[in-house]
Amino acid sequence: MLTFQLAQDYIFHDRDPFAQPLFVDKTGRILRFMLKPGQSVVEHTAPHSPVTIVVVEGTGLFSGADGEARPFGPGALLVFEPGEPHAIHAQDEALVFVAFLHGAPGAQ
């Protein structure tokens, strides 16, 4: 069994959000994202996987296919369909969330 403490030992980068791989194998990836206030994850897609996000700390603006940014905070669960464009922005506080994806690029 592997265990992770999601709400401690944060790593923030000054210039860009930091995506910390917590677990990666051929079946999927679990990434912890840490954004300082004002940082953003620009709009992108995960073409072959749904993206499930759980907000751990802070409140951020999350947008999906409709482009409408909505605030979500700790405990929120968001699911983006495969190929659905999505973006994230940390407003005036740090934002930490965990993303779960199926498959791993380059995994056999």
PDB file of N, CA and C in Angstrom:
ATOM      1  N   MET A   1       0.848  -1.178   0.000  1.00  0.00           N
ATOM      2  CA  MET A   1       0.000   0.000   0.000  1.00  0.00           C
ATOM      3  C   MET A   1       0.893   1.241   0.000  1.00  0.00           C
ATOM      4  N   LEU A   2       0.537   2.187  -0.830  1.00  0.00           N
ATOM      5  CA  LEU A   2       1.201   3.487  -0.841  1.00  0.00           C
ATOM      6  C   LEU A   2       0.301   4.490  -0.143  1.00  0.00           C
ATOM      7  N   THR A   3       0.896   5.419   0.578  1.00  0.00           N
ATOM      8  CA  THR A   3       0.106   6.475   1.214  1.00  0.00           C
ATOM      9  C   THR A   3       0.736   7.828   0.921  1.00  0.00           C
ATOM     10  N   PHE A   4      -0.098   8.851   0.880  1.00  0.00           N
ATOM     11  CA  PHE A   4       0.353  10.210   0.607  1.00  0.00           C
ATOM     12  C   PHE A   4      -0.392  11.172   1.524  1.00  0.00           C
ATOM     13  N   GLN A   5       0.297  12.150   2.043  1.00  0.00           N
ATOM     14  CA  GLN A   5      -0.328  13.220   2.813  1.00  0.00           C
ATOM     15  C   GLN A   5      -0.536  14.388   1.850  1.00  0.00           C
ATOM     16  N   LEU A   6      -1.750  14.575   1.414  1.00  0.00           N
ATOM     17  CA  LEU A   6      -2.033  15.558   0.366  1.00  0.00           C
ATOM     18  C   LEU A   6      -1.961  16.994   0.851  1.00  0.00           C
ATOM     19  N   ALA A   7      -2.169  17.222   2.144  1.00  0.00           N
ATOM     20  CA  ALA A   7      -2.261  18.589   2.658  1.00  0.00           C
ATOM     21  C   ALA A   7      -1.024  18.995   3.464  1.00  0.00           C
ATOM     22  N   GLN A   8       0.135  18.520   3.050  1.00  0.00           N
ATOM     23  CA  GLN A   8       1.372  18.953   3.712  1.00  0.00           C
ATOM     24  C   GLN A   8       2.540  18.830   2.743  1.00  0.00           C
ATOM     25  N   ASP A   9       3.665  19.429   3.122  1.00  0.00           N
ATOM     26  CA  ASP A   9       4.895  19.390   2.325  1.00  0.00           C
ATOM     27  C   ASP A   9       4.689  19.925   0.907  1.00  0.00           C
ATOM     28  N   TYR A  10       4.021  21.061   0.805  1.00  0.00           N
ATOM     29  CA  TYR A  10       3.779  21.668  -0.504  1.00  0.00           C
ATOM     30  C   TYR A  10       5.077  22.185  -1.109  1.00  0.00           C
ATOM     31  N   ILE A  11       5.137  22.143  -2.426  1.00  0.00           N
ATOM     32  CA  ILE A  11       6.268  22.678  -3.180  1.00  0.00           C
ATOM     33  C   ILE A  11       5.706  23.706  -4.159  1.00  0.00           C
ATOM     34  N   PHE A  12       6.033  24.968  -3.955  1.00  0.00           N
ATOM     35  CA  PHE A  12       5.574  26.024  -4.852  1.00  0.00           C
ATOM     36  C   PHE A  12       6.760  26.558  -5.643  1.00  0.00           C
ATOM     37  N   HIS A  13       6.543  26.818  -6.910  1.00  0.00           N
ATOM     38  CA  HIS A  13       7.556  27.457  -7.744  1.00  0.00           C
ATOM     39  C   HIS A  13       7.132  28.904  -7.968  1.00  0.00           C
ATOM     40  N   ASP A  14       8.103  29.797  -8.001  1.00  0.00           N
ATOM     41  CA  ASP A  14       7.788  31.219  -8.130  1.00  0.00           C
ATOM     42  C   ASP A  14       7.175  31.575  -9.474  1.00  0.00           C
ATOM     43  N   ARG A  15       7.656  30.967 -10.543  1.00  0.00           N
ATOM     44  CA  ARG A  15       7.240  31.400 -11.877  1.00  0.00           C
ATOM     45  C   ARG A  15       6.008  30.673 -12.406  1.00  0.00           C
ATOM     46  N   ASP A  16       5.957  29.376 -12.200  1.00  0.00           N
ATOM     47  CA  ASP A  16       4.896  28.559 -12.794  1.00  0.00           C
ATOM     48  C   ASP A  16       4.297  27.615 -11.755  1.00  0.00           C
ATOM     49  N   PRO A  17       3.069  27.145 -12.004  1.00  0.00           N
ATOM     50  CA  PRO A  17       2.499  26.117 -11.131  1.00  0.00           C
ATOM     51  C   PRO A  17       3.405  24.885 -11.131  1.00  0.00           C
ATOM     52  N   PHE A  18       3.378  24.135 -10.050  1.00  0.00           N
ATOM     53  CA  PHE A  18       4.179  22.917  -9.966  1.00  0.00           C
ATOM     54  C   PHE A  18       3.254  21.719  -9.923  1.00  0.00           C
ATOM     55  N   ALA A  19       3.499  20.753 -10.814  1.00  0.00           N
ATOM     56  CA  ALA A  19       2.749  19.498 -10.841  1.00  0.00           C
ATOM     57  C   ALA A  19       3.662  18.396 -10.323  1.00  0.00           C
ATOM     58  N   GLN A  20       3.353  17.882  -9.156  1.00  0.00           N
ATOM     59  CA  GLN A  20       4.162  16.846  -8.519  1.00  0.00           C
ATOM     60  C   GLN A  20       3.538  15.478  -8.783  1.00  0.00           C
ATOM     61  N   PRO A  21       4.251  14.606  -9.515  1.00  0.00           N
ATOM     62  CA  PRO A  21       3.723  13.256  -9.713  1.00  0.00           C
ATOM     63  C   PRO A  21       3.747  12.492  -8.388  1.00  0.00           C
ATOM     64  N   LEU A  22       2.592  12.078  -7.925  1.00  0.00           N
ATOM     65  CA  LEU A  22       2.513  11.277  -6.706  1.00  0.00           C
ATOM     66  C   LEU A  22       2.570   9.794  -7.032  1.00  0.00           C
ATOM     67  N   PHE A  23       1.964   9.426  -8.158  1.00  0.00           N
ATOM     68  CA  PHE A  23       1.939   8.027  -8.578  1.00  0.00           C
ATOM     69  C   PHE A  23       1.763   7.988 -10.084  1.00  0.00           C
ATOM     70  N   VAL A  24       2.588   7.183 -10.751  1.00  0.00           N
ATOM     71  CA  VAL A  24       2.488   7.017 -12.204  1.00  0.00           C
ATOM     72  C   VAL A  24       2.771   5.558 -12.531  1.00  0.00           C
ATOM     73  N   ASP A  25       1.862   4.930 -13.254  1.00  0.00           N
ATOM     74  CA  ASP A  25       2.122   3.614 -13.832  1.00  0.00           C
ATOM     75  C   ASP A  25       1.327   3.515 -15.125  1.00  0.00           C
ATOM     76  N   LYS A  26       1.291   2.324 -15.738  1.00  0.00           N
ATOM     77  CA  LYS A  26       0.633   2.203 -17.040  1.00  0.00           C
ATOM     78  C   LYS A  26      -0.879   2.387 -16.965  1.00  0.00           C
ATOM     79  N   THR A  27      -1.462   2.305 -15.771  1.00  0.00           N
ATOM     80  CA  THR A  27      -2.914   2.451 -15.659  1.00  0.00           C
ATOM     81  C   THR A  27      -3.364   3.877 -15.388  1.00  0.00           C
ATOM     82  N   GLY A  28      -2.454   4.723 -14.891  1.00  0.00           N
ATOM     83  CA  GLY A  28      -2.883   6.086 -14.618  1.00  0.00           C
ATOM     84  C   GLY A  28      -1.838   6.927 -13.923  1.00  0.00           C
ATOM     85  N   ARG A  29      -2.239   8.162 -13.666  1.00  0.00           N
ATOM     86  CA  ARG A  29      -1.364   9.135 -13.011  1.00  0.00           C
ATOM     87  C   ARG A  29      -2.154   9.865 -11.941  1.00  0.00           C
ATOM     88  N   ILE A  30      -1.466  10.170 -10.856  1.00  0.00           N
ATOM     89  CA  ILE A  30      -2.019  11.031  -9.817  1.00  0.00           C
ATOM     90  C   ILE A  30      -1.014  12.157  -9.633  1.00  0.00           C
ATOM     91  N   LEU A  31      -1.460  13.380  -9.866  1.00  0.00           N
ATOM     92  CA  LEU A  31      -0.590  14.549  -9.805  1.00  0.00           C
ATOM     93  C   LEU A  31      -1.135  15.540  -8.792  1.00  0.00           C
ATOM     94  N   ARG A  32      -0.250  16.101  -7.970  1.00  0.00           N
ATOM     95  CA  ARG A  32      -0.659  17.166  -7.050  1.00  0.00           C
ATOM     96  C   ARG A  32      -0.153  18.482  -7.625  1.00  0.00           C
ATOM     97  N   PHE A  33      -1.082  19.396  -7.870  1.00  0.00           N
ATOM     98  CA  PHE A  33      -0.754  20.710  -8.419  1.00  0.00           C
ATOM     99  C   PHE A  33      -0.734  21.735  -7.299  1.00  0.00           C
ATOM    100  N   MET A  34       0.280  22.598  -7.332  1.00  0.00           N
ATOM    101  CA  MET A  34       0.411  23.653  -6.337  1.00  0.00           C
ATOM    102  C   MET A  34       0.622  24.974  -7.063  1.00  0.00           C
ATOM    103  N   LEU A  35      -0.310  25.902  -6.874  1.00  0.00           N
ATOM    104  CA  LEU A  35      -0.269  27.201  -7.534  1.00  0.00           C
ATOM    105  C   LEU A  35      -0.184  28.301  -6.491  1.00  0.00           C
ATOM    106  N   LYS A  36       0.725  29.226  -6.715  1.00  0.00           N
ATOM    107  CA  LYS A  36       0.792  30.421  -5.874  1.00  0.00           C
ATOM    108  C   LYS A  36      -0.318  31.375  -6.325  1.00  0.00           C
ATOM    109  N   PRO A  37      -0.696  32.336  -5.493  1.00  0.00           N
ATOM    110  CA  PRO A  37      -1.715  33.301  -5.903  1.00  0.00           C
ATOM    111  C   PRO A  37      -1.349  33.940  -7.245  1.00  0.00           C
ATOM    112  N   GLY A  38      -2.328  33.997  -8.136  1.00  0.00           N
ATOM    113  CA  GLY A  38      -2.136  34.607  -9.448  1.00  0.00           C
ATOM    114  C   GLY A  38      -1.643  33.663 -10.528  1.00  0.00           C
ATOM    115  N   GLN A  39      -1.184  32.473 -10.170  1.00  0.00           N
ATOM    116  CA  GLN A  39      -0.712  31.527 -11.183  1.00  0.00           C
ATOM    117  C   GLN A  39      -1.885  30.813 -11.839  1.00  0.00           C
ATOM    118  N   SER A  40      -1.651  30.351 -13.080  1.00  0.00           N
ATOM    119  CA  SER A  40      -2.693  29.669 -13.840  1.00  0.00           C
ATOM    120  C   SER A  40      -2.150  28.441 -14.545  1.00  0.00           C
ATOM    121  N   VAL A  41      -3.018  27.472 -14.725  1.00  0.00           N
ATOM    122  CA  VAL A  41      -2.778  26.370 -15.647  1.00  0.00           C
ATOM    123  C   VAL A  41      -3.593  26.742 -16.878  1.00  0.00           C
ATOM    124  N   VAL A  42      -2.902  27.040 -17.983  1.00  0.00           N
ATOM    125  CA  VAL A  42      -3.586  27.514 -19.185  1.00  0.00           C
ATOM    126  C   VAL A  42      -4.490  26.423 -19.745  1.00  0.00           C
ATOM    127  N   GLU A  43      -5.446  26.843 -20.541  1.00  0.00           N
ATOM    128  CA  GLU A  43      -6.391  25.890 -21.114  1.00  0.00           C
ATOM    129  C   GLU A  43      -5.648  24.799 -21.880  1.00  0.00           C
ATOM    130  N   HIS A  44      -6.064  23.571 -21.640  1.00  0.00           N
ATOM    131  CA  HIS A  44      -5.461  22.408 -22.282  1.00  0.00           C
ATOM    132  C   HIS A  44      -6.484  21.272 -22.248  1.00  0.00           C
ATOM    133  N   THR A  45      -6.128  20.129 -22.823  1.00  0.00           N
ATOM    134  CA  THR A  45      -6.998  18.958 -22.795  1.00  0.00           C
ATOM    135  C   THR A  45      -6.183  17.724 -22.421  1.00  0.00           C
ATOM    136  N   ALA A  46      -6.874  16.698 -22.005  1.00  0.00           N
ATOM    137  CA  ALA A  46      -6.313  15.355 -21.846  1.00  0.00           C
ATOM    138  C   ALA A  46      -7.098  14.498 -22.837  1.00  0.00           C
ATOM    139  N   PRO A  47      -6.571  14.329 -24.047  1.00  0.00           N
ATOM    140  CA  PRO A  47      -7.351  13.734 -25.132  1.00  0.00           C
ATOM    141  C   PRO A  47      -7.878  12.326 -24.876  1.00  0.00           C
ATOM    142  N   HIS A  48      -7.160  11.521 -24.091  1.00  0.00           N
ATOM    143  CA  HIS A  48      -7.523  10.115 -23.953  1.00  0.00           C
ATOM    144  C   HIS A  48      -7.970   9.720 -22.553  1.00  0.00           C
ATOM    145  N   SER A  49      -8.227  10.700 -21.704  1.00  0.00           N
ATOM    146  CA  SER A  49      -8.580  10.369 -20.323  1.00  0.00           C
ATOM    147  C   SER A  49      -9.516  11.407 -19.735  1.00  0.00           C
ATOM    148  N   PRO A  50     -10.484  10.957 -18.935  1.00  0.00           N
ATOM    149  CA  PRO A  50     -11.166  11.948 -18.111  1.00  0.00           C
ATOM    150  C   PRO A  50     -10.162  12.488 -17.094  1.00  0.00           C
ATOM    151  N   VAL A  51     -10.406  13.681 -16.599  1.00  0.00           N
ATOM    152  CA  VAL A  51      -9.562  14.274 -15.563  1.00  0.00           C
ATOM    153  C   VAL A  51     -10.457  14.514 -14.354  1.00  0.00           C
ATOM    154  N   THR A  52     -10.122  13.869 -13.255  1.00  0.00           N
ATOM    155  CA  THR A  52     -10.868  14.038 -12.017  1.00  0.00           C
ATOM    156  C   THR A  52     -10.005  14.853 -11.066  1.00  0.00           C
ATOM    157  N   ILE A  53     -10.564  15.940 -10.544  1.00  0.00           N
ATOM    158  CA  ILE A  53      -9.821  16.856  -9.678  1.00  0.00           C
ATOM    159  C   ILE A  53     -10.499  16.937  -8.317  1.00  0.00           C
ATOM    160  N   VAL A  54      -9.683  16.895  -7.266  1.00  0.00           N
ATOM    161  CA  VAL A  54     -10.152  17.130  -5.902  1.00  0.00           C
ATOM    162  C   VAL A  54      -9.359  18.314  -5.361  1.00  0.00           C
ATOM    163  N   VAL A  55     -10.067  19.357  -4.942  1.00  0.00           N
ATOM    164  CA  VAL A  55      -9.403  20.530  -4.375  1.00  0.00           C
ATOM    165  C   VAL A  55      -9.043  20.223  -2.921  1.00  0.00           C
ATOM    166  N   VAL A  56      -7.759  20.442  -2.580  1.00  0.00           N
ATOM    167  CA  VAL A  56      -7.253  20.155  -1.239  1.00  0.00           C
ATOM    168  C   VAL A  56      -7.232  21.415  -0.384  1.00  0.00           C
ATOM    169  N   GLU A  57      -6.758  22.515  -0.968  1.00  0.00           N
ATOM    170  CA  GLU A  57      -6.605  23.754  -0.196  1.00  0.00           C
ATOM    171  C   GLU A  57      -6.756  24.957  -1.116  1.00  0.00           C
ATOM    172  N   GLY A  58      -7.331  26.024  -0.584  1.00  0.00           N
ATOM    173  CA  GLY A  58      -7.505  27.261  -1.341  1.00  0.00           C
ATOM    174  C   GLY A  58      -8.738  27.210  -2.224  1.00  0.00           C
ATOM    175  N   THR A  59      -9.016  28.332  -2.850  1.00  0.00           N
ATOM    176  CA  THR A  59     -10.130  28.432  -3.786  1.00  0.00           C
ATOM    177  C   THR A  59      -9.583  28.942  -5.100  1.00  0.00           C
ATOM    178  N   GLY A  60      -9.997  28.300  -6.180  1.00  0.00           N
ATOM    179  CA  GLY A  60      -9.533  28.710  -7.496  1.00  0.00           C
ATOM    180  C   GLY A  60     -10.679  28.764  -8.474  1.00  0.00           C
ATOM    181  N   LEU A  61     -10.409  29.360  -9.617  1.00  0.00           N
ATOM    182  CA  LEU A  61     -11.385  29.411 -10.698  1.00  0.00           C
ATOM    183  C   LEU A  61     -11.087  28.275 -11.666  1.00  0.00           C
ATOM    184  N   PHE A  62     -12.090  27.449 -11.914  1.00  0.00           N
ATOM    185  CA  PHE A  62     -11.955  26.313 -12.823  1.00  0.00           C
ATOM    186  C   PHE A  62     -12.938  26.517 -13.968  1.00  0.00           C
ATOM    187  N   SER A  63     -12.475  26.317 -15.195  1.00  0.00           N
ATOM    188  CA  SER A  63     -13.376  26.411 -16.345  1.00  0.00           C
ATOM    189  C   SER A  63     -13.283  25.137 -17.158  1.00  0.00           C
ATOM    190  N   GLY A  64     -14.410  24.776 -17.765  1.00  0.00           N
ATOM    191  CA  GLY A  64     -14.497  23.584 -18.601  1.00  0.00           C
ATOM    192  C   GLY A  64     -14.849  23.965 -20.021  1.00  0.00           C
ATOM    193  N   ALA A  65     -15.542  23.073 -20.705  1.00  0.00           N
ATOM    194  CA  ALA A  65     -15.849  23.250 -22.119  1.00  0.00           C
ATOM    195  C   ALA A  65     -16.655  24.510 -22.405  1.00  0.00           C
ATOM    196  N   ASP A  66     -17.492  24.936 -21.460  1.00  0.00           N
ATOM    197  CA  ASP A  66     -18.308  26.128 -21.705  1.00  0.00           C
ATOM    198  C   ASP A  66     -17.517  27.423 -21.527  1.00  0.00           C
ATOM    199  N   GLY A  67     -16.275  27.325 -21.018  1.00  0.00           N
ATOM    200  CA  GLY A  67     -15.426  28.498 -20.854  1.00  0.00           C
ATOM    201  C   GLY A  67     -15.764  29.370 -19.662  1.00  0.00           C
ATOM    202  N   GLU A  68     -16.807  29.021 -18.916  1.00  0.00           N
ATOM    203  CA  GLU A  68     -17.212  29.826 -17.759  1.00  0.00           C
ATOM    204  C   GLU A  68     -16.384  29.440 -16.533  1.00  0.00           C
ATOM    205  N   ALA A  69     -15.676  30.404 -15.959  1.00  0.00           N
ATOM    206  CA  ALA A  69     -14.850  30.151 -14.777  1.00  0.00           C
ATOM    207  C   ALA A  69     -15.721  30.189 -13.529  1.00  0.00           C
ATOM    208  N   ARG A  70     -15.612  29.133 -12.722  1.00  0.00           N
ATOM    209  CA  ARG A  70     -16.396  29.035 -11.493  1.00  0.00           C
ATOM    210  C   ARG A  70     -15.455  28.779 -10.319  1.00  0.00           C
ATOM    211  N   PRO A  71     -15.758  29.367  -9.153  1.00  0.00           N
ATOM    212  CA  PRO A  71     -14.900  29.133  -7.987  1.00  0.00           C
ATOM    213  C   PRO A  71     -15.221  27.796  -7.313  1.00  0.00           C
ATOM    214  N   PHE A  72     -14.155  27.089  -6.935  1.00  0.00           N
ATOM    215  CA  PHE A  72     -14.291  25.855  -6.172  1.00  0.00           C
ATOM    216  C   PHE A  72     -13.223  25.837  -5.097  1.00  0.00           C
ATOM    217  N   GLY A  73     -13.571  25.280  -3.930  1.00  0.00           N
ATOM    218  CA  GLY A  73     -12.643  25.236  -2.811  1.00  0.00           C
ATOM    219  C   GLY A  73     -12.469  23.836  -2.259  1.00  0.00           C
ATOM    220  N   PRO A  74     -11.871  23.727  -1.073  1.00  0.00           N
ATOM    221  CA  PRO A  74     -11.541  22.439  -0.475  1.00  0.00           C
ATOM    222  C   PRO A  74     -12.727  21.475  -0.442  1.00  0.00           C
ATOM    223  N   GLY A  75     -12.441  20.247  -0.864  1.00  0.00           N
ATOM    224  CA  GLY A  75     -13.460  19.213  -0.879  1.00  0.00           C
ATOM    225  C   GLY A  75     -14.223  19.115  -2.181  1.00  0.00           C
ATOM    226  N   ALA A  76     -14.070  20.078  -3.079  1.00  0.00           N
ATOM    227  CA  ALA A  76     -14.791  20.036  -4.353  1.00  0.00           C
ATOM    228  C   ALA A  76     -14.222  18.931  -5.243  1.00  0.00           C
ATOM    229  N   LEU A  77     -15.111  18.247  -5.948  1.00  0.00           N
ATOM    230  CA  LEU A  77     -14.748  17.202  -6.897  1.00  0.00           C
ATOM    231  C   LEU A  77     -15.217  17.646  -8.272  1.00  0.00           C
ATOM    232  N   LEU A  78     -14.296  17.709  -9.232  1.00  0.00           N
ATOM    233  CA  LEU A  78     -14.624  18.120 -10.591  1.00  0.00           C
ATOM    234  C   LEU A  78     -14.215  17.010 -11.545  1.00  0.00           C
ATOM    235  N   VAL A  79     -15.025  16.744 -12.560  1.00  0.00           N
ATOM    236  CA  VAL A  79     -14.697  15.725 -13.555  1.00  0.00           C
ATOM    237  C   VAL A  79     -14.815  16.348 -14.938  1.00  0.00           C
ATOM    238  N   PHE A  80     -13.705  16.307 -15.681  1.00  0.00           N
ATOM    239  CA  PHE A  80     -13.673  16.782 -17.060  1.00  0.00           C
ATOM    240  C   PHE A  80     -13.628  15.558 -17.972  1.00  0.00           C
ATOM    241  N   GLU A  81     -14.437  15.577 -19.023  1.00  0.00           N
ATOM    242  CA  GLU A  81     -14.494  14.466 -19.968  1.00  0.00           C
ATOM    243  C   GLU A  81     -13.213  14.403 -20.796  1.00  0.00           C
ATOM    244  N   PRO A  82     -12.882  13.241 -21.378  1.00  0.00           N
ATOM    245  CA  PRO A  82     -11.716  13.169 -22.255  1.00  0.00           C
ATOM    246  C   PRO A  82     -11.824  14.218 -23.365  1.00  0.00           C
ATOM    247  N   GLY A  83     -10.749  14.950 -23.583  1.00  0.00           N
ATOM    248  CA  GLY A  83     -10.718  15.968 -24.625  1.00  0.00           C
ATOM    249  C   GLY A  83     -11.388  17.278 -24.262  1.00  0.00           C
ATOM    250  N   GLU A  84     -11.992  17.376 -23.078  1.00  0.00           N
ATOM    251  CA  GLU A  84     -12.668  18.620 -22.686  1.00  0.00           C
ATOM    252  C   GLU A  84     -11.633  19.682 -22.302  1.00  0.00           C
ATOM    253  N   PRO A  85     -11.682  20.847 -22.946  1.00  0.00           N
ATOM    254  CA  PRO A  85     -10.757  21.914 -22.563  1.00  0.00           C
ATOM    255  C   PRO A  85     -11.043  22.360 -21.129  1.00  0.00           C
ATOM    256  N   HIS A  86      -9.972  22.610 -20.383  1.00  0.00           N
ATOM    257  CA  HIS A  86     -10.135  23.099 -19.014  1.00  0.00           C
ATOM    258  C   HIS A  86      -8.935  23.960 -18.635  1.00  0.00           C
ATOM    259  N   ALA A  87      -9.183  24.889 -17.714  1.00  0.00           N
ATOM    260  CA  ALA A  87      -8.144  25.804 -17.235  1.00  0.00           C
ATOM    261  C   ALA A  87      -8.399  26.080 -15.761  1.00  0.00           C
ATOM    262  N   ILE A  88      -7.323  26.469 -15.060  1.00  0.00           N
ATOM    263  CA  ILE A  88      -7.406  26.711 -13.617  1.00  0.00           C
ATOM    264  C   ILE A  88      -6.646  27.981 -13.284  1.00  0.00           C
ATOM    265  N   HIS A  89      -7.188  28.779 -12.360  1.00  0.00           N
ATOM    266  CA  HIS A  89      -6.511  30.012 -11.943  1.00  0.00           C
ATOM    267  C   HIS A  89      -6.627  30.169 -10.425  1.00  0.00           C
ATOM    268  N   ALA A  90      -5.472  30.375  -9.784  1.00  0.00           N
ATOM    269  CA  ALA A  90      -5.455  30.677  -8.347  1.00  0.00           C
ATOM    270  C   ALA A  90      -5.609  32.183  -8.204  1.00  0.00           C
ATOM    271  N   GLN A  91      -6.586  32.616  -7.456  1.00  0.00           N
ATOM    272  CA  GLN A  91      -6.820  34.047  -7.320  1.00  0.00           C
ATOM    273  C   GLN A  91      -5.894  34.647  -6.268  1.00  0.00           C
ATOM    274  N   ASP A  92      -6.412  35.008  -5.107  1.00  0.00           N
ATOM    275  CA  ASP A  92      -5.611  35.728  -4.113  1.00  0.00           C
ATOM    276  C   ASP A  92      -5.074  34.837  -2.995  1.00  0.00           C
ATOM    277  N   GLU A  93      -5.154  33.520  -3.166  1.00  0.00           N
ATOM    278  CA  GLU A  93      -4.580  32.593  -2.196  1.00  0.00           C
ATOM    279  C   GLU A  93      -3.996  31.397  -2.946  1.00  0.00           C
ATOM    280  N   ALA A  94      -3.097  30.679  -2.282  1.00  0.00           N
ATOM    281  CA  ALA A  94      -2.512  29.484  -2.889  1.00  0.00           C
ATOM    282  C   ALA A  94      -3.613  28.454  -3.137  1.00  0.00           C
ATOM    283  N   LEU A  95      -3.425  27.657  -4.175  1.00  0.00           N
ATOM    284  CA  LEU A  95      -4.391  26.632  -4.556  1.00  0.00           C
ATOM    285  C   LEU A  95      -3.655  25.303  -4.701  1.00  0.00           C
ATOM    286  N   VAL A  96      -4.189  24.270  -4.059  1.00  0.00           N
ATOM    287  CA  VAL A  96      -3.619  22.929  -4.162  1.00  0.00           C
ATOM    288  C   VAL A  96      -4.748  21.983  -4.544  1.00  0.00           C
ATOM    289  N   PHE A  97      -4.519  21.187  -5.588  1.00  0.00           N
ATOM    290  CA  PHE A  97      -5.505  20.189  -5.983  1.00  0.00           C
ATOM    291  C   PHE A  97      -4.795  18.951  -6.505  1.00  0.00           C
ATOM    292  N   VAL A  98      -5.514  17.841  -6.499  1.00  0.00           N
ATOM    293  CA  VAL A  98      -4.990  16.574  -6.995  1.00  0.00           C
ATOM    294  C   VAL A  98      -5.789  16.196  -8.228  1.00  0.00           C
ATOM    295  N   ALA A  99      -5.065  15.773  -9.279  1.00  0.00           N
ATOM    296  CA  ALA A  99      -5.697  15.356 -10.528  1.00  0.00           C
ATOM    297  C   ALA A  99      -5.423  13.868 -10.757  1.00  0.00           C
ATOM    298  N   PHE A 100      -6.464  13.145 -11.140  1.00  0.00           N
ATOM    299  CA  PHE A 100      -6.376  11.717 -11.433  1.00  0.00           C
ATOM    300  C   PHE A 100      -6.655  11.528 -12.917  1.00  0.00           C
ATOM    301  N   LEU A 101      -5.753  10.839 -13.621  1.00  0.00           N
ATOM    302  CA  LEU A 101      -5.911  10.582 -15.052  1.00  0.00           C
ATOM    303  C   LEU A 101      -5.697   9.101 -15.325  1.00  0.00           C
ATOM    304  N   HIS A 102      -6.360   8.580 -16.358  1.00  0.00           N
ATOM    305  CA  HIS A 102      -6.177   7.193 -16.778  1.00  0.00           C
ATOM    306  C   HIS A 102      -5.020   7.127 -17.756  1.00  0.00           C
ATOM    307  N   GLY A 103      -4.250   6.057 -17.694  1.00  0.00           N
ATOM    308  CA  GLY A 103      -3.129   5.877 -18.604  1.00  0.00           C
ATOM    309  C   GLY A 103      -2.001   6.829 -18.279  1.00  0.00           C
ATOM    310  N   ALA A 104      -0.858   6.585 -18.883  1.00  0.00           N
ATOM    311  CA  ALA A 104       0.306   7.446 -18.693  1.00  0.00           C
ATOM    312  C   ALA A 104       1.019   7.574 -20.025  1.00  0.00           C
ATOM    313  N   PRO A 105       1.370   8.791 -20.426  1.00  0.00           N
ATOM    314  CA  PRO A 105       2.069   8.955 -21.700  1.00  0.00           C
ATOM    315  C   PRO A 105       3.329   8.099 -21.746  1.00  0.00           C
ATOM    316  N   GLY A 106       3.478   7.345 -22.813  1.00  0.00           N
ATOM    317  CA  GLY A 106       4.673   6.538 -23.001  1.00  0.00           C
ATOM    318  C   GLY A 106       4.691   5.226 -22.234  1.00  0.00           C
ATOM    319  N   ALA A 107       3.678   4.955 -21.427  1.00  0.00           N
ATOM    320  CA  ALA A 107       3.661   3.703 -20.650  1.00  0.00           C
ATOM    321  C   ALA A 107       3.224   2.547 -21.531  1.00  0.00           C
ATOM    322  N   GLN A 108       3.867   1.432 -21.363  1.00  0.00           N
ATOM    323  CA  GLN A 108       3.529   0.227 -22.131  1.00  0.00           C
ATOM    324  C   GLN A 108       3.025  -0.857 -21.201  1.00  0.00           C
TER     325      GLN A 108
END
